[in-house]
């Protein structure tokens, strides 16, 4: 199902450490697989909610973690009713299928009604995707902007492809996103929908100046703008 299973307990421990987990924390884990990361989470967190799509792995996880504070939910994370399974405060920590990275980030940074944003997000992603998420001007991109308006991302560790089975074609990275909130929009009284419409339009023709794509008096291209400049443009 597009999953590359992490087989290194040491790397799993690093992921858990990057999330700064406390005994009172609730953790949402997506695609726990055979539980290498779950094992590390279970020694740190007070509660773990794991969403797994593969029924065989659901059975495996329930059998092997029956004595822990783990709740395994069978289903697709992009289709389950998040409001019914998530508390008001939680952290998202996971080694996710790489092909849904952007969808996962969008789902949890711009959650549906009744669903809280996680306090922290720690994910294993492709290394080049991690670089895009943490990019700064003059190399900003739509994915990076979409994450950085909601939180502070950093690459916590580069991880060799040899730590996975099956082995992916590229290296991976542990990315941590902290200080997650919608304060960027609230403080500036900006409608997120309007903001992202402008951003998508600008990055759709990123080689063109904003004077051409957005019709504003600016000779800059979208990848050169800071978050503050994006906020000023969205406010008009």
Protein backbone atom coordinates (compact mmCIF):
# COMPACT_ATOMS: atom_id res chain seq x y z
CA UNK A 1 0.00 0.00 0.00
CA UNK A 2 2.89 2.33 -0.70
CA UNK A 3 4.38 1.89 2.75
CA UNK A 4 8.11 1.60 3.41
CA UNK A 5 8.45 -0.07 6.80
CA UNK A 6 11.02 1.36 9.16
CA UNK A 7 13.19 -1.43 10.56
CA UNK A 8 15.54 0.53 12.81
CA UNK A 9 14.59 0.82 16.49
CA UNK A 10 17.24 3.54 16.88
CA UNK A 11 15.66 5.73 14.19
CA UNK A 12 12.22 5.05 15.66
CA UNK A 13 13.55 6.22 19.02
CA UNK A 14 14.86 9.40 17.42
CA UNK A 15 11.43 10.10 15.91
CA UNK A 16 9.81 9.68 19.31
CA UNK A 17 12.44 11.92 20.90
CA UNK A 18 11.85 14.63 18.28
CA UNK A 19 8.21 14.82 19.36
CA UNK A 20 9.20 15.60 22.97
CA UNK A 21 6.55 13.18 24.25
CA UNK A 22 5.35 13.40 27.83
CA UNK A 23 3.43 10.76 29.84
CA UNK A 24 0.29 12.89 29.58
CA UNK A 25 0.42 13.11 25.76
CA UNK A 26 -1.96 11.47 23.32
CA UNK A 27 -0.25 10.40 20.10
CA UNK A 28 -1.86 9.84 16.72
CA UNK A 29 0.18 7.38 14.66
CA UNK A 30 -0.68 6.86 11.00
CA UNK A 31 0.22 3.54 9.36
CA UNK A 32 1.99 1.88 12.31
CA UNK A 33 2.89 -1.13 10.16
CA UNK A 34 4.48 -3.77 12.38
CA UNK A 35 4.97 -1.42 15.31
CA UNK A 36 8.67 -0.45 15.32
CA UNK A 37 7.78 3.18 16.03
CA UNK A 38 4.76 2.23 18.16
CA UNK A 39 7.08 0.34 20.51
CA UNK A 40 9.02 3.54 21.21
CA UNK A 41 5.89 5.66 21.51
CA UNK A 42 4.28 3.26 23.96
CA UNK A 43 7.07 3.75 26.51
CA UNK A 44 6.66 7.53 26.44
CA UNK A 45 3.02 8.47 25.80
CA UNK A 46 -0.06 8.10 27.95
CA UNK A 47 -2.24 7.08 25.00
CA UNK A 48 -1.69 6.10 21.35
CA UNK A 49 -4.34 6.14 18.63
CA UNK A 50 -3.06 4.23 15.60
CA UNK A 51 -4.92 4.28 12.28
CA UNK A 52 -3.99 1.38 9.98
CA UNK A 53 -5.50 0.58 6.59
CA UNK A 54 -4.23 -3.00 6.20
CA UNK A 55 -6.46 -5.46 8.14
CA UNK A 56 -3.58 -7.92 8.52
CA UNK A 57 -1.46 -5.30 10.23
CA UNK A 58 -4.41 -4.23 12.38
CA UNK A 59 -4.59 -7.79 13.71
CA UNK A 60 -0.82 -7.89 14.20
CA UNK A 61 -0.84 -4.62 16.16
CA UNK A 62 -3.77 -5.59 18.36
CA UNK A 63 -2.18 -8.94 19.18
CA UNK A 64 1.28 -7.56 19.92
CA UNK A 65 0.29 -4.41 21.81
CA UNK A 66 -2.72 -5.71 23.73
CA UNK A 67 -1.14 -4.80 27.08
CA UNK A 68 -0.33 -1.21 26.18
CA UNK A 69 -2.38 1.98 25.97
CA UNK A 70 -2.79 1.51 22.23
CA UNK A 71 -6.07 1.85 20.37
CA UNK A 72 -5.90 0.54 16.79
CA UNK A 73 -8.46 1.84 14.33
CA UNK A 74 -8.84 0.09 11.00
CA UNK A 75 -9.31 2.58 8.20
CA UNK A 76 -7.86 5.13 5.79
CA UNK A 77 -6.64 8.22 7.66
CA UNK A 78 -7.94 10.41 4.85
CA UNK A 79 -11.44 8.95 5.18
CA UNK A 80 -11.99 8.24 8.87
CA UNK A 81 -14.09 10.60 10.98
CA UNK A 82 -11.28 12.41 12.77
CA UNK A 83 -13.64 14.34 15.02
CA UNK A 84 -14.84 11.08 16.54
CA UNK A 85 -11.38 9.68 17.35
CA UNK A 86 -9.20 12.67 18.25
CA UNK A 87 -9.12 14.60 21.52
CA UNK A 88 -8.62 18.36 21.77
CA UNK A 89 -4.90 17.95 22.43
CA UNK A 90 -2.66 15.46 20.68
CA UNK A 91 0.58 15.06 18.71
CA UNK A 92 0.89 13.47 15.27
CA UNK A 93 3.92 11.19 15.04
CA UNK A 94 4.25 8.76 12.13
CA UNK A 95 6.19 7.11 9.35
CA UNK A 96 3.61 7.75 6.65
CA UNK A 97 3.19 6.44 3.08
CA UNK A 98 5.13 9.07 1.15
CA UNK A 99 2.56 9.50 -1.60
CA UNK A 100 0.08 11.05 0.84
CA UNK A 101 2.51 13.45 2.55
CA UNK A 102 0.96 16.62 1.12
CA UNK A 103 -2.57 15.39 1.86
CA UNK A 104 -1.66 14.51 5.44
CA UNK A 105 -0.16 17.94 6.04
CA UNK A 106 -3.15 19.70 4.52
CA UNK A 107 -5.62 17.57 6.52
CA UNK A 108 -4.01 18.32 9.87
CA UNK A 109 -2.88 21.90 9.32
CA UNK A 110 -6.24 22.84 7.79
CA UNK A 111 -8.45 20.34 9.63
CA UNK A 112 -12.17 19.82 9.04
CA UNK A 113 -14.71 21.33 11.42
CA UNK A 114 -14.60 19.89 14.90
CA UNK A 115 -11.01 18.66 14.61
CA UNK A 116 -8.16 20.35 16.46
CA UNK A 117 -4.73 20.88 14.95
CA UNK A 118 -2.03 18.73 16.52
CA UNK A 119 0.30 20.47 18.97
CA UNK A 120 3.30 18.97 17.17
CA UNK A 121 3.78 17.02 13.94
CA UNK A 122 6.74 14.68 13.49
CA UNK A 123 6.80 12.74 10.24
CA UNK A 124 9.19 10.63 8.21
CA UNK A 125 9.09 12.01 4.67
CA UNK A 126 11.24 11.93 1.55
CA UNK A 127 14.36 14.04 2.06
CA UNK A 128 13.68 16.29 -0.93
CA UNK A 129 10.12 16.90 0.31
CA UNK A 130 11.55 17.85 3.71
CA UNK A 131 13.81 20.37 1.99
CA UNK A 132 10.81 21.86 0.18
CA UNK A 133 8.83 22.13 3.41
CA UNK A 134 11.66 23.99 5.16
CA UNK A 135 12.69 26.16 2.18
CA UNK A 136 13.19 29.90 2.56
CA UNK A 137 13.23 32.75 0.01
CA UNK A 138 14.50 32.77 -2.72
CA UNK A 139 13.57 29.07 -2.86
CA UNK A 140 10.09 29.19 -1.32
CA UNK A 141 7.45 26.92 -2.84
CA UNK A 142 3.75 26.32 -2.37
CA UNK A 143 4.18 23.31 -0.06
CA UNK A 144 6.68 25.16 2.11
CA UNK A 145 4.47 28.22 2.34
CA UNK A 146 1.40 26.08 3.15
CA UNK A 147 3.23 24.56 6.12
CA UNK A 148 5.08 27.63 7.37
CA UNK A 149 1.95 29.78 7.70
CA UNK A 150 0.76 27.27 10.32
CA UNK A 151 3.94 26.25 12.12
CA UNK A 152 7.72 26.12 12.32
CA UNK A 153 9.19 23.16 10.41
CA UNK A 154 12.73 21.83 10.75
CA UNK A 155 14.63 18.83 9.47
CA UNK A 156 15.51 16.88 12.61
CA UNK A 157 17.47 14.10 10.91
CA UNK A 158 18.34 12.75 7.48
CA UNK A 159 17.68 8.99 7.32
CA UNK A 160 19.34 6.60 4.90
CA UNK A 161 17.13 4.53 2.61
CA UNK A 162 18.84 1.41 3.99
CA UNK A 163 16.77 1.63 7.19
CA UNK A 164 13.56 0.67 5.36
CA UNK A 165 12.01 -2.44 3.88
CA UNK A 166 11.26 -2.41 1.04
CA UNK A 167 14.07 0.06 0.43
CA UNK A 168 12.85 3.29 -1.21
CA UNK A 169 14.69 4.89 -4.11
CA UNK A 170 15.66 7.99 -2.10
CA UNK A 171 16.76 8.98 1.37
CA UNK A 172 14.23 10.16 3.94
CA UNK A 173 14.14 12.74 6.70
CA UNK A 174 12.46 13.24 10.04
CA UNK A 175 10.64 16.55 9.93
CA UNK A 176 9.27 18.25 13.04
CA UNK A 177 6.65 21.01 12.92
CA UNK A 178 6.09 22.94 16.14
CA UNK A 179 4.15 26.05 17.28
CA UNK A 180 1.17 24.97 15.18
CA UNK A 181 -1.77 27.39 15.03
CA UNK A 182 -3.76 29.65 12.71
CA UNK A 183 -2.35 32.80 14.36
CA UNK A 184 -0.85 34.00 11.06
CA UNK A 185 -4.36 34.42 9.65
CA UNK A 186 -6.13 35.55 12.83
CA UNK A 187 -3.63 38.26 13.67
CA UNK A 188 -3.84 39.71 10.18
CA UNK A 189 -7.56 39.12 9.69
CA UNK A 190 -6.87 37.13 6.52
CA UNK A 191 -9.20 34.52 5.06
CA UNK A 192 -7.09 31.35 4.54
CA UNK A 193 -9.12 30.43 1.45
CA UNK A 194 -8.33 33.79 -0.16
CA UNK A 195 -4.67 33.48 0.86
CA UNK A 196 -4.20 30.09 -0.74
CA UNK A 197 -6.07 31.09 -3.89
CA UNK A 198 -3.52 33.88 -4.39
CA UNK A 199 -0.59 31.62 -3.56
CA UNK A 200 -1.71 28.86 -5.94
CA UNK A 201 -2.22 31.37 -8.72
CA UNK A 202 1.21 32.90 -8.19
CA UNK A 203 3.10 29.61 -7.89
CA UNK A 204 1.23 28.27 -10.90
CA UNK A 205 3.41 30.62 -12.95
CA UNK A 206 6.38 30.98 -10.63
CA UNK A 207 8.69 32.22 -13.37
CA UNK A 208 6.47 35.23 -13.89
CA UNK A 209 6.55 38.36 -11.77
CA UNK A 210 3.66 39.00 -9.41
CA UNK A 211 2.75 42.06 -11.44
CA UNK A 212 1.77 39.64 -14.21
CA UNK A 213 0.16 36.84 -12.21
CA UNK A 214 -1.60 38.79 -9.47
CA UNK A 215 -1.82 42.22 -11.06
CA UNK A 216 -0.02 43.98 -8.22
CA UNK A 217 2.85 46.45 -8.25
CA UNK A 218 5.69 44.02 -7.60
CA UNK A 219 8.65 42.89 -9.67
CA UNK A 220 9.20 39.88 -7.39
CA UNK A 221 8.42 36.26 -8.15
CA UNK A 222 6.51 34.13 -5.61
CA UNK A 223 9.51 32.10 -4.49
CA UNK A 224 11.26 35.30 -3.34
CA UNK A 225 8.56 36.45 -0.90
CA UNK A 226 8.75 36.15 2.88
CA UNK A 227 5.75 35.14 5.00
CA UNK A 228 5.26 38.78 5.99
CA UNK A 229 5.16 39.85 2.37
CA UNK A 230 2.60 37.16 1.60
CA UNK A 231 0.51 38.46 4.47
CA UNK A 232 0.65 42.01 3.10
CA UNK A 233 -0.41 40.86 -0.36
CA UNK A 234 -3.33 38.83 1.01
CA UNK A 235 -4.54 41.82 3.02
CA UNK A 236 -4.49 43.91 -0.15
